[in-house]
Amino acid sequence: MHQEPIDSFADALEPMTEDEVFSLLSRLERDSEKAEGEERDEVMARITLVTEEIERRYPGQVLAPYRAWKSRDPLA
C-alpha cells in the first residue's frame, strides 16, 4: 500500500502544507480500515508520524485543527 520507506515518509512531512498533512492523515485513516496484519501496522506507524507532525505544528491542540479541517471538508 505504501512504498515509501518510513524514514523518508517522516522527512517528507515537515515541508508539507497544512492541507497536504490533513489530507494524508485522512487517507491513512481510510487505509487503516482496509489493511490487515503487517500492512495495518505500517499504516498505523504512518498515522502516528502524521499525528506527531500535527501536534508539533499545533502544540497543545492535539488533533483539534485536523478535526476542524475535516468538518469543513466532509469528503476528506
C-alpha atoms as a PDB file:
ATOM      1  CA  MET A   1       0.000   0.000   0.000  1.00  0.00           C
ATOM      2  CA  HIS A   2       2.808   2.413   0.939  1.00  0.00           C
ATOM      3  CA  GLN A   3       6.041   2.028  -0.989  1.00  0.00           C
ATOM      4  CA  GLU A   4       7.993   4.904   0.530  1.00  0.00           C
ATOM      5  CA  PRO A   5      10.340   3.866   3.381  1.00  0.00           C
ATOM      6  CA  ILE A   6       9.084   5.055   6.762  1.00  0.00           C
ATOM      7  CA  ASP A   7      12.106   7.328   7.397  1.00  0.00           C
ATOM      8  CA  SER A   8      11.656   9.051   4.018  1.00  0.00           C
ATOM      9  CA  PHE A   9       7.962   9.378   4.791  1.00  0.00           C
ATOM     10  CA  ALA A  10       8.738  11.099   8.109  1.00  0.00           C
ATOM     11  CA  ASP A  11      11.189  13.504   6.442  1.00  0.00           C
ATOM     12  CA  ALA A  12       8.603  14.432   3.808  1.00  0.00           C
ATOM     13  CA  LEU A  13       6.057  15.617   6.394  1.00  0.00           C
ATOM     14  CA  GLU A  14       7.777  18.812   7.543  1.00  0.00           C
ATOM     15  CA  PRO A  15       7.655  20.722   4.214  1.00  0.00           C
ATOM     16  CA  MET A  16       4.028  19.719   3.535  1.00  0.00           C
ATOM     17  CA  THR A  17       1.279  22.303   3.731  1.00  0.00           C
ATOM     18  CA  GLU A  18      -1.453  22.010   6.336  1.00  0.00           C
ATOM     19  CA  ASP A  19      -3.912  20.704   3.722  1.00  0.00           C
ATOM     20  CA  GLU A  20      -1.410  18.124   2.494  1.00  0.00           C
ATOM     21  CA  VAL A  21      -0.799  16.826   6.016  1.00  0.00           C
ATOM     22  CA  PHE A  22      -4.510  16.712   6.843  1.00  0.00           C
ATOM     23  CA  SER A  23      -5.368  15.029   3.521  1.00  0.00           C
ATOM     24  CA  LEU A  24      -2.654  12.473   4.126  1.00  0.00           C
ATOM     25  CA  LEU A  25      -3.989  11.665   7.584  1.00  0.00           C
ATOM     26  CA  SER A  26      -7.493  11.309   6.191  1.00  0.00           C
ATOM     27  CA  ARG A  27      -6.263   8.901   3.507  1.00  0.00           C
ATOM     28  CA  LEU A  28      -4.258   6.899   6.044  1.00  0.00           C
ATOM     29  CA  GLU A  29      -7.315   6.589   8.274  1.00  0.00           C
ATOM     30  CA  ARG A  30      -9.259   5.114   5.336  1.00  0.00           C
ATOM     31  CA  ASP A  31      -6.343   2.817   4.502  1.00  0.00           C
ATOM     32  CA  SER A  32      -6.198   1.567   8.100  1.00  0.00           C
ATOM     33  CA  GLU A  33      -9.789   0.383   7.878  1.00  0.00           C
ATOM     34  CA  LYS A  34      -8.928  -1.906   4.943  1.00  0.00           C
ATOM     35  CA  ALA A  35      -5.431  -3.038   5.931  1.00  0.00           C
ATOM     36  CA  GLU A  36      -4.640  -6.204   7.858  1.00  0.00           C
ATOM     37  CA  GLY A  37      -1.635  -7.672   9.641  1.00  0.00           C
ATOM     38  CA  GLU A  38       1.749  -6.130   8.903  1.00  0.00           C
ATOM     39  CA  GLU A  39       0.233  -3.759   6.380  1.00  0.00           C
ATOM     40  CA  ARG A  40      -2.040  -2.360   9.083  1.00  0.00           C
ATOM     41  CA  ASP A  41       0.942  -1.976  11.419  1.00  0.00           C
ATOM     42  CA  GLU A  42       2.719   0.032   8.708  1.00  0.00           C
ATOM     43  CA  VAL A  43      -0.317   2.277   8.180  1.00  0.00           C
ATOM     44  CA  MET A  44      -0.676   2.820  11.929  1.00  0.00           C
ATOM     45  CA  ALA A  45       3.020   3.776  12.189  1.00  0.00           C
ATOM     46  CA  ARG A  46       2.482   6.357   9.450  1.00  0.00           C
ATOM     47  CA  ILE A  47      -0.630   7.676  11.209  1.00  0.00           C
ATOM     48  CA  THR A  48       1.455   8.122  14.351  1.00  0.00           C
ATOM     49  CA  LEU A  49       4.089  10.112  12.440  1.00  0.00           C
ATOM     50  CA  VAL A  50       1.478  12.372  10.846  1.00  0.00           C
ATOM     51  CA  THR A  51      -0.239  12.873  14.201  1.00  0.00           C
ATOM     52  CA  GLU A  52       3.103  13.830  15.767  1.00  0.00           C
ATOM     53  CA  GLU A  53       3.683  16.338  12.955  1.00  0.00           C
ATOM     54  CA  ILE A  54       0.269  17.911  13.576  1.00  0.00           C
ATOM     55  CA  GLU A  55       0.986  18.107  17.313  1.00  0.00           C
ATOM     56  CA  ARG A  56       4.377  19.702  16.570  1.00  0.00           C
ATOM     57  CA  ARG A  57       2.685  22.351  14.431  1.00  0.00           C
ATOM     58  CA  TYR A  58      -0.176  22.952  16.869  1.00  0.00           C
ATOM     59  CA  PRO A  59       1.195  22.417  20.381  1.00  0.00           C
ATOM     60  CA  GLY A  60      -1.422  21.611  22.994  1.00  0.00           C
ATOM     61  CA  GLN A  61      -4.242  21.320  20.472  1.00  0.00           C
ATOM     62  CA  VAL A  62      -3.950  17.549  19.958  1.00  0.00           C
ATOM     63  CA  LEU A  63      -5.908  16.891  16.741  1.00  0.00           C
ATOM     64  CA  ALA A  64      -8.395  19.784  17.006  1.00  0.00           C
ATOM     65  CA  PRO A  65      -7.044  21.502  13.847  1.00  0.00           C
ATOM     66  CA  TYR A  66      -7.427  18.257  11.894  1.00  0.00           C
ATOM     67  CA  ARG A  67     -10.964  17.668  13.162  1.00  0.00           C
ATOM     68  CA  ALA A  68     -11.899  21.272  12.250  1.00  0.00           C
ATOM     69  CA  TRP A  69     -10.420  20.809   8.760  1.00  0.00           C
ATOM     70  CA  LYS A  70     -12.256  17.525   8.328  1.00  0.00           C
ATOM     71  CA  SER A  71     -15.568  19.099   9.350  1.00  0.00           C
ATOM     72  CA  ARG A  72     -15.085  21.779   6.659  1.00  0.00           C
ATOM     73  CA  ASP A  73     -14.408  19.102   4.016  1.00  0.00           C
ATOM     74  CA  PRO A  74     -16.794  16.179   4.532  1.00  0.00           C
ATOM     75  CA  LEU A  75     -15.345  14.330   1.518  1.00  0.00           C
ATOM     76  CA  ALA A  76     -11.941  14.142   3.196  1.00  0.00           C
END
